[in-house]
PDB file of N, CA and C in Angstrom:
ATOM      1  N   MET A   1     131.479  98.062  93.460  1.00  0.00           N
ATOM      2  CA  MET A   1     130.488  97.484  92.452  1.00  0.00           C
ATOM      3  C   MET A   1     128.897  98.070  93.398  1.00  0.00           C
ATOM      4  N   ALA A   2     128.825  96.863  94.630  1.00  0.00           N
ATOM      5  CA  ALA A   2     127.406  97.082  94.904  1.00  0.00           C
ATOM      6  C   ALA A   2     127.037  98.293  95.760  1.00  0.00           C
ATOM      7  N   GLY A   3     128.840  98.899  96.221  1.00  0.00           N
ATOM      8  CA  GLY A   3     128.195 100.613  96.870  1.00  0.00           C
ATOM      9  C   GLY A   3     127.146 101.109  95.718  1.00  0.00           C
ATOM     10  N   LEU A   4     127.755 101.225  94.412  1.00  0.00           N
ATOM     11  CA  LEU A   4     127.605 102.362  93.447  1.00  0.00           C
ATOM     12  C   LEU A   4     125.776 102.305  92.718  1.00  0.00           C
ATOM     13  N   LEU A   5     125.789 100.892  93.270  1.00  0.00           N
ATOM     14  CA  LEU A   5     124.490 100.224  92.924  1.00  0.00           C
ATOM     15  C   LEU A   5     122.824 100.210  94.423  1.00  0.00           C
ATOM     16  N   THR A   6     123.774 100.456  95.528  1.00  0.00           N
ATOM     17  CA  THR A   6     122.804 101.012  96.324  1.00  0.00           C
ATOM     18  C   THR A   6     122.825 102.423  96.394  1.00  0.00           C
ATOM     19  N   HIS A   7     123.799 103.102  96.346  1.00  0.00           N
ATOM     20  CA  HIS A   7     123.792 104.898  95.728  1.00  0.00           C
ATOM     21  C   HIS A   7     122.765 105.268  94.786  1.00  0.00           C
ATOM     22  N   ILE A   8     122.834 104.151  93.713  1.00  0.00           N
ATOM     23  CA  ILE A   8     121.872 104.463  92.629  1.00  0.00           C
ATOM     24  C   ILE A   8     120.791 104.237  93.209  1.00  0.00           C
ATOM     25  N   ILE A   9     120.184 103.651  93.624  1.00  0.00           N
ATOM     26  CA  ILE A   9     118.585 103.113  94.305  1.00  0.00           C
ATOM     27  C   ILE A   9     118.238 104.274  95.048  1.00  0.00           C
ATOM     28  N   GLU A  10     119.484 104.903  95.716  1.00  0.00           N
ATOM     29  CA  GLU A  10     118.919 105.586  96.997  1.00  0.00           C
ATOM     30  C   GLU A  10     118.686 107.131  96.171  1.00  0.00           C
ATOM     31  N   TRP A  11     119.007 107.226  95.573  1.00  0.00           N
ATOM     32  CA  TRP A  11     119.429 108.540  94.675  1.00  0.00           C
ATOM     33  C   TRP A  11     117.676 108.456  93.888  1.00  0.00           C
ATOM     34  N   LEU A  12     117.538 107.141  93.308  1.00  0.00           N
ATOM     35  CA  LEU A  12     116.232 106.659  92.778  1.00  0.00           C
ATOM     36  C   LEU A  12     115.062 107.167  93.402  1.00  0.00           C
ATOM     37  N   LYS A  13     115.530 106.784  94.573  1.00  0.00           N
ATOM     38  CA  LYS A  13     113.880 106.528  95.530  1.00  0.00           C
ATOM     39  C   LYS A  13     113.760 108.165  96.142  1.00  0.00           C
ATOM     40  N   TRP A  14     114.671 109.056  96.336  1.00  0.00           N
ATOM     41  CA  TRP A  14     114.615 110.693  96.694  1.00  0.00           C
ATOM     42  C   TRP A  14     114.528 111.232  95.493  1.00  0.00           C
ATOM     43  N   ARG A  15     114.435 110.844  94.291  1.00  0.00           N
ATOM     44  CA  ARG A  15     114.547 111.312  93.091  1.00  0.00           C
ATOM     45  C   ARG A  15     112.722 111.248  92.707  1.00  0.00           C
ATOM     46  N   ILE A  16     112.521 110.462  93.052  1.00  0.00           N
ATOM     47  CA  ILE A  16     110.890 109.331  92.539  1.00  0.00           C
ATOM     48  C   ILE A  16     109.891 109.954  93.684  1.00  0.00           C
ATOM     49  N   VAL A  17     109.887 109.607  94.871  1.00  0.00           N
ATOM     50  CA  VAL A  17     109.068 109.703  96.243  1.00  0.00           C
ATOM     51  C   VAL A  17     109.685 110.683  97.081  1.00  0.00           C
ATOM     52  N   LYS A  18     110.277 111.569  96.640  1.00  0.00           N
ATOM     53  CA  LYS A  18     110.773 112.814  97.539  1.00  0.00           C
ATOM     54  C   LYS A  18     109.709 113.735  98.396  1.00  0.00           C
ATOM     55  N   ARG A  19     108.625 113.586  98.030  1.00  0.00           N
ATOM     56  CA  ARG A  19     107.609 114.319  98.747  1.00  0.00           C
ATOM     57  C   ARG A  19     106.996 113.200 100.220  1.00  0.00           C
ATOM     58  N   GLU A  20     107.046 112.050 100.070  1.00  0.00           N
ATOM     59  CA  GLU A  20     106.700 111.089 100.923  1.00  0.00           C
ATOM     60  C   GLU A  20     108.062 110.783 101.759  1.00  0.00           C
ATOM     61  N   LEU A  21     109.222 110.538 101.200  1.00  0.00           N
ATOM     62  CA  LEU A  21     110.082 110.458 101.799  1.00  0.00           C
ATOM     63  C   LEU A  21     110.468 111.282 102.737  1.00  0.00           C
ATOM     64  N   ALA A  22     110.581 112.562 102.378  1.00  0.00           N
ATOM     65  CA  ALA A  22     110.574 113.749 103.599  1.00  0.00           C
ATOM     66  C   ALA A  22     109.773 113.845 105.036  1.00  0.00           C
ATOM     67  N   ALA A  23     108.617 113.532 104.013  1.00  0.00           N
ATOM     68  CA  ALA A  23     106.985 113.777 105.288  1.00  0.00           C
ATOM     69  C   ALA A  23     107.556 111.871 106.441  1.00  0.00           C
ATOM     70  N   LEU A  24     107.650 111.225 105.402  1.00  0.00           N
ATOM     71  CA  LEU A  24     108.349 109.914 106.542  1.00  0.00           C
ATOM     72  C   LEU A  24     108.925 110.170 107.575  1.00  0.00           C
ATOM     73  N   GLU A  25     110.654 111.224 106.837  1.00  0.00           N
ATOM     74  CA  GLU A  25     111.641 111.489 108.125  1.00  0.00           C
ATOM     75  C   GLU A  25     110.972 112.567 108.913  1.00  0.00           C
ATOM     76  N   ARG A  26     110.207 113.591 108.733  1.00  0.00           N
ATOM     77  CA  ARG A  26     109.827 114.597 109.679  1.00  0.00           C
ATOM     78  C   ARG A  26     108.965 113.721 110.696  1.00  0.00           C
ATOM     79  N   TYR A  27     108.153 112.713 110.601  1.00  0.00           N
ATOM     80  CA  TYR A  27     107.729 111.824 111.730  1.00  0.00           C
ATOM     81  C   TYR A  27     109.015 111.021 112.454  1.00  0.00           C
ATOM     82  N   ARG A  28     109.613 110.695 111.800  1.00  0.00           N
ATOM     83  CA  ARG A  28     110.471 109.573 112.625  1.00  0.00           C
ATOM     84  C   ARG A  28     110.701 110.764 113.370  1.00  0.00           C
ATOM     85  N   THR A  29     111.215 112.100 112.640  1.00  0.00           N
ATOM     86  CA  THR A  29     112.208 113.249 114.003  1.00  0.00           C
ATOM     87  C   THR A  29     110.853 113.426 114.659  1.00  0.00           C
ATOM     88  N   ALA A  30     109.891 113.355 114.360  1.00  0.00           N
ATOM     89  CA  ALA A  30     109.087 114.053 115.450  1.00  0.00           C
ATOM     90  C   ALA A  30     108.378 113.044 116.711  1.00  0.00           C
ATOM     91  N   CYS A  31     109.042 111.792 116.575  1.00  0.00           N
ATOM     92  CA  CYS A  31     108.535 110.243 117.056  1.00  0.00           C
ATOM     93  C   CYS A  31     109.902 110.661 118.137  1.00  0.00           C
ATOM     94  N   ALA A  32     111.205 110.473 117.714  1.00  0.00           N
ATOM     95  CA  ALA A  32     112.279 110.603 118.573  1.00  0.00           C
ATOM     96  C   ALA A  32     112.101 112.004 119.247  1.00  0.00           C
ATOM     97  N   GLU A  33     111.866 112.986 119.078  1.00  0.00           N
ATOM     98  CA  GLU A  33     111.899 114.086 119.575  1.00  0.00           C
ATOM     99  C   GLU A  33     111.244 114.076 120.894  1.00  0.00           C
ATOM    100  N   ALA A  34     109.953 113.549 120.882  1.00  0.00           N
ATOM    101  CA  ALA A  34     108.899 113.144 121.543  1.00  0.00           C
ATOM    102  C   ALA A  34     109.240 112.438 122.636  1.00  0.00           C
ATOM    103  N   VAL A  35     109.761 111.192 122.354  1.00  0.00           N
ATOM    104  CA  VAL A  35     110.153 110.003 123.407  1.00  0.00           C
ATOM    105  C   VAL A  35     111.137 110.644 123.844  1.00  0.00           C
ATOM    106  N   ARG A  36     112.112 111.384 123.432  1.00  0.00           N
ATOM    107  CA  ARG A  36     113.171 112.079 124.308  1.00  0.00           C
ATOM    108  C   ARG A  36     112.775 112.675 125.050  1.00  0.00           C
ATOM    109  N   TRP A  37     112.177 114.209 124.722  1.00  0.00           N
ATOM    110  CA  TRP A  37     111.990 114.769 125.803  1.00  0.00           C
ATOM    111  C   TRP A  37     110.879 115.468 126.699  1.00  0.00           C
ATOM    112  N   ASN A  38     109.232 113.968 126.317  1.00  0.00           N
ATOM    113  CA  ASN A  38     108.479 113.905 126.824  1.00  0.00           C
ATOM    114  C   ASN A  38     109.027 112.630 127.993  1.00  0.00           C
ATOM    115  N   ALA A  39     110.167 112.374 128.155  1.00  0.00           N
ATOM    116  CA  ALA A  39     110.388 110.932 128.686  1.00  0.00           C
ATOM    117  C   ALA A  39     109.606 111.395 130.253  1.00  0.00           C
ATOM    118  N   SER A  40     109.653 112.389 130.545  1.00  0.00           N
ATOM    119  CA  SER A  40     109.008 112.498 132.241  1.00  0.00           C
ATOM    120  C   SER A  40     107.828 112.711 132.256  1.00  0.00           C
ATOM    121  N   ILE A  41     107.127 112.258 131.039  1.00  0.00           N
ATOM    122  CA  ILE A  41     105.305 112.365 130.719  1.00  0.00           C
ATOM    123  C   ILE A  41     105.143 111.294 130.183  1.00  0.00           C
ATOM    124  N   PRO A  42     104.973 110.082 131.466  1.00  0.00           N
ATOM    125  CA  PRO A  42     104.605 108.781 130.766  1.00  0.00           C
ATOM    126  C   PRO A  42     103.855 108.757 129.830  1.00  0.00           C
ATOM    127  N   GLU A  43     102.427 109.167 129.986  1.00  0.00           N
ATOM    128  CA  GLU A  43     101.668 108.990 129.444  1.00  0.00           C
ATOM    129  C   GLU A  43     102.025 109.297 127.761  1.00  0.00           C
ATOM    130  N   SER A  44     102.498 110.327 127.570  1.00  0.00           N
ATOM    131  CA  SER A  44     102.979 111.234 126.659  1.00  0.00           C
ATOM    132  C   SER A  44     104.530 110.133 125.821  1.00  0.00           C
ATOM    133  N   HIS A  45     105.431 109.845 126.530  1.00  0.00           N
ATOM    134  CA  HIS A  45     106.308 109.192 126.084  1.00  0.00           C
ATOM    135  C   HIS A  45     105.924 107.740 125.149  1.00  0.00           C
ATOM    136  N   LYS A  46     104.986 107.330 126.179  1.00  0.00           N
ATOM    137  CA  LYS A  46     104.733 105.972 125.636  1.00  0.00           C
ATOM    138  C   LYS A  46     103.756 105.981 124.228  1.00  0.00           C
ATOM    139  N   THR A  47     103.503 107.045 124.127  1.00  0.00           N
ATOM    140  CA  THR A  47     102.632 107.521 122.763  1.00  0.00           C
ATOM    141  C   THR A  47     103.138 107.395 121.694  1.00  0.00           C
ATOM    142  N   ALA A  48     103.970 108.504 122.281  1.00  0.00           N
ATOM    143  CA  ALA A  48     105.537 108.080 121.123  1.00  0.00           C
ATOM    144  C   ALA A  48     106.048 107.227 120.539  1.00  0.00           C
ATOM    145  N   GLU A  49     106.401 106.326 121.413  1.00  0.00           N
ATOM    146  CA  GLU A  49     107.443 105.054 121.193  1.00  0.00           C
ATOM    147  C   GLU A  49     105.661 104.086 120.440  1.00  0.00           C
ATOM    148  N   TRP A  50     104.654 104.226 120.881  1.00  0.00           N
ATOM    149  CA  TRP A  50     103.680 103.413 120.349  1.00  0.00           C
ATOM    150  C   TRP A  50     103.531 104.024 118.877  1.00  0.00           C
ATOM    151  N   ILE A  51     103.789 105.144 118.431  1.00  0.00           N
ATOM    152  CA  ILE A  51     103.567 105.449 116.932  1.00  0.00           C
ATOM    153  C   ILE A  51     104.391 105.081 116.475  1.00  0.00           C
ATOM    154  N   ARG A  52     105.556 105.278 116.600  1.00  0.00           N
ATOM    155  CA  ARG A  52     107.470 105.030 116.167  1.00  0.00           C
ATOM    156  C   ARG A  52     106.946 103.076 115.809  1.00  0.00           C
ATOM    157  N   GLN A  53     106.795 102.878 116.873  1.00  0.00           N
ATOM    158  CA  GLN A  53     106.484 101.001 116.986  1.00  0.00           C
ATOM    159  C   GLN A  53     105.590 100.959 115.894  1.00  0.00           C
ATOM    160  N   GLN A  54     104.656 101.189 115.892  1.00  0.00           N
ATOM    161  CA  GLN A  54     103.439 100.561 115.107  1.00  0.00           C
ATOM    162  C   GLN A  54     104.063 101.017 113.243  1.00  0.00           C
ATOM    163  N   GLY A  55     104.606 102.356 113.333  1.00  0.00           N
ATOM    164  CA  GLY A  55     105.565 103.411 111.776  1.00  0.00           C
ATOM    165  C   GLY A  55     106.629 102.134 111.655  1.00  0.00           C
ATOM    166  N   GLU A  56     107.441 101.273 111.924  1.00  0.00           N
ATOM    167  CA  GLU A  56     108.224 100.620 111.887  1.00  0.00           C
ATOM    168  C   GLU A  56     108.140  99.369 111.681  1.00  0.00           C
ATOM    169  N   GLY A  57     106.759  99.161 112.239  1.00  0.00           N
ATOM    170  CA  GLY A  57     105.746  97.393 112.133  1.00  0.00           C
ATOM    171  C   GLY A  57     106.346  96.771 113.340  1.00  0.00           C
ATOM    172  N   GLU A  58     106.915  97.166 114.630  1.00  0.00           N
ATOM    173  CA  GLU A  58     107.432  96.471 115.408  1.00  0.00           C
ATOM    174  C   GLU A  58     106.658  96.512 116.427  1.00  0.00           C
ATOM    175  N   SER A  59     105.301  96.473 116.225  1.00  0.00           N
ATOM    176  CA  SER A  59     103.994  96.663 117.265  1.00  0.00           C
ATOM    177  C   SER A  59     103.088  96.174 116.869  1.00  0.00           C
ATOM    178  N   SER A  60     102.265  95.303 117.306  1.00  0.00           N
ATOM    179  CA  SER A  60     100.992  94.411 116.679  1.00  0.00           C
ATOM    180  C   SER A  60      99.737  94.885 117.989  1.00  0.00           C
ATOM    181  N   VAL A  61     100.528  95.784 118.848  1.00  0.00           N
ATOM    182  CA  VAL A  61      99.120  96.479 119.802  1.00  0.00           C
ATOM    183  C   VAL A  61      98.445  97.444 118.994  1.00  0.00           C
ATOM    184  N   ASN A  62      97.187  96.580 119.407  1.00  0.00           N
ATOM    185  CA  ASN A  62      96.116  98.100 118.208  1.00  0.00           C
ATOM    186  C   ASN A  62      96.047  99.265 119.103  1.00  0.00           C
ATOM    187  N   ILE A  63      95.187 100.217 118.773  1.00  0.00           N
ATOM    188  CA  ILE A  63      94.964 101.262 119.641  1.00  0.00           C
ATOM    189  C   ILE A  63      94.186 100.975 120.676  1.00  0.00           C
ATOM    190  N   GLY A  64      93.069 100.450 120.803  1.00  0.00           N
ATOM    191  CA  GLY A  64      92.249  99.801 121.836  1.00  0.00           C
ATOM    192  C   GLY A  64      92.938  99.543 122.952  1.00  0.00           C
ATOM    193  N   LYS A  65      93.964  98.126 122.830  1.00  0.00           N
ATOM    194  CA  LYS A  65      94.870  97.847 123.913  1.00  0.00           C
ATOM    195  C   LYS A  65      95.790  98.757 124.439  1.00  0.00           C
ATOM    196  N   PHE A  66      96.348  99.430 123.528  1.00  0.00           N
ATOM    197  CA  PHE A  66      97.086 100.410 124.229  1.00  0.00           C
ATOM    198  C   PHE A  66      96.770 101.242 124.613  1.00  0.00           C
ATOM    199  N   ARG A  67      95.340 102.051 124.538  1.00  0.00           N
ATOM    200  CA  ARG A  67      94.393 102.760 125.540  1.00  0.00           C
ATOM    201  C   ARG A  67      94.171 102.564 126.788  1.00  0.00           C
ATOM    202  N   LYS A  68      93.848 100.852 126.919  1.00  0.00           N
ATOM    203  CA  LYS A  68      93.858 100.506 128.199  1.00  0.00           C
ATOM    204  C   LYS A  68      95.102 100.262 128.760  1.00  0.00           C
ATOM    205  N   SER A  69      96.335 100.016 128.257  1.00  0.00           N
ATOM    206  CA  SER A  69      97.207  99.928 129.132  1.00  0.00           C
ATOM    207  C   SER A  69      97.714 101.140 129.919  1.00  0.00           C
ATOM    208  N   LEU A  70      96.959 102.204 129.256  1.00  0.00           N
ATOM    209  CA  LEU A  70      97.292 103.406 129.632  1.00  0.00           C
ATOM    210  C   LEU A  70      96.479 103.931 130.927  1.00  0.00           C
ATOM    211  N   GLY A  71      95.575 102.967 130.944  1.00  0.00           N
ATOM    212  CA  GLY A  71      94.435 103.269 131.771  1.00  0.00           C
ATOM    213  C   GLY A  71      93.125 103.851 131.497  1.00  0.00           C
ATOM    214  N   PHE A  72      93.066 103.877 130.492  1.00  0.00           N
ATOM    215  CA  PHE A  72      91.690 104.490 129.310  1.00  0.00           C
ATOM    216  C   PHE A  72      91.007 103.329 129.615  1.00  0.00           C
ATOM    217  N   GLU A  73      89.636 104.220 129.187  1.00  0.00           N
ATOM    218  CA  GLU A  73      88.977 102.774 128.608  1.00  0.00           C
ATOM    219  C   GLU A  73      88.959 102.370 127.448  1.00  0.00           C
ATOM    220  N   GLU A  74      88.999 101.541 127.126  1.00  0.00           N
ATOM    221  CA  GLU A  74      89.239 100.846 125.812  1.00  0.00           C
ATOM    222  C   GLU A  74      87.658 101.246 124.944  1.00  0.00           C
ATOM    223  N   TYR A  75      87.775 101.843 123.918  1.00  0.00           N
ATOM    224  CA  TYR A  75      86.416 102.139 123.112  1.00  0.00           C
ATOM    225  C   TYR A  75      86.012 101.441 122.151  1.00  0.00           C
ATOM    226  N   PRO A  76      84.951 101.063 122.221  1.00  0.00           N
ATOM    227  CA  PRO A  76      84.213 100.098 120.883  1.00  0.00           C
ATOM    228  C   PRO A  76      84.559 100.797 119.891  1.00  0.00           C
ATOM    229  N   ARG A  77      84.667  99.401 119.043  1.00  0.00           N
ATOM    230  CA  ARG A  77      84.560  99.907 117.709  1.00  0.00           C
ATOM    231  C   ARG A  77      82.689 100.584 117.329  1.00  0.00           C
ATOM    232  N   PRO A  78      83.508 102.393 116.397  1.00  0.00           N
ATOM    233  CA  PRO A  78      82.154 102.813 116.179  1.00  0.00           C
ATOM    234  C   PRO A  78      81.096 101.979 115.203  1.00  0.00           C
ATOM    235  N   GLU A  79      79.751 102.121 114.995  1.00  0.00           N
ATOM    236  CA  GLU A  79      79.302 100.925 114.462  1.00  0.00           C
ATOM    237  C   GLU A  79      78.783 102.009 112.987  1.00  0.00           C
ATOM    238  N   ARG A  80      79.101 101.378 111.973  1.00  0.00           N
ATOM    239  CA  ARG A  80      78.814 101.718 110.875  1.00  0.00           C
ATOM    240  C   ARG A  80      77.458 101.567 110.130  1.00  0.00           C
ATOM    241  N   PRO A  81      76.573 103.140 109.684  1.00  0.00           N
ATOM    242  CA  PRO A  81      74.964 102.997 109.229  1.00  0.00           C
ATOM    243  C   PRO A  81      74.899 101.746 108.317  1.00  0.00           C
ATOM    244  N   PRO A  82      74.155 100.830 108.290  1.00  0.00           N
ATOM    245  CA  PRO A  82      73.797 100.227 107.067  1.00  0.00           C
ATOM    246  C   PRO A  82      73.809 100.836 105.740  1.00  0.00           C
ATOM    247  N   TYR A  83      74.013 100.155 104.890  1.00  0.00           N
ATOM    248  CA  TYR A  83      74.215 100.669 103.420  1.00  0.00           C
ATOM    249  C   TYR A  83      73.112 100.756 102.439  1.00  0.00           C
ATOM    250  N   THR A  84      72.777 102.285 102.153  1.00  0.00           N
ATOM    251  CA  THR A  84      71.420 102.202 101.479  1.00  0.00           C
ATOM    252  C   THR A  84      71.897 102.380  99.849  1.00  0.00           C
ATOM    253  N   ASP A  85      71.141 102.010  99.097  1.00  0.00           N
ATOM    254  CA  ASP A  85      71.781 102.262  98.074  1.00  0.00           C
ATOM    255  C   ASP A  85      71.497 103.673  97.032  1.00  0.00           C
ATOM    256  N   PRO A  86      71.698 104.754  96.859  1.00  0.00           N
ATOM    257  CA  PRO A  86      70.788 106.127  96.541  1.00  0.00           C
ATOM    258  C   PRO A  86      70.273 105.905  95.620  1.00  0.00           C
ATOM    259  N   GLN A  87      70.003 104.877  94.821  1.00  0.00           N
ATOM    260  CA  GLN A  87      69.197 104.538  93.505  1.00  0.00           C
ATOM    261  C   GLN A  87      67.990 103.881  93.786  1.00  0.00           C
TER     262      GLN A  87
END
């Protein structure tokens, strides 16, 4: 019975949010391929792995710290101009 319920839930997910799930699967596949095929290029490999970890919720390292770990300068957050009311 549990197997049938799981199957129905999967079918409903694909029926309702088909485009989003398809896009998610493309991202996962692209990250996995980049990690595998760019293993000889450390920065590319680490970047693809960081993206995968962010998507899976496995990493709390922000992009600034990640850039710094690759040896790049950590960019400061851009300053937003003060809000001015158009009226």
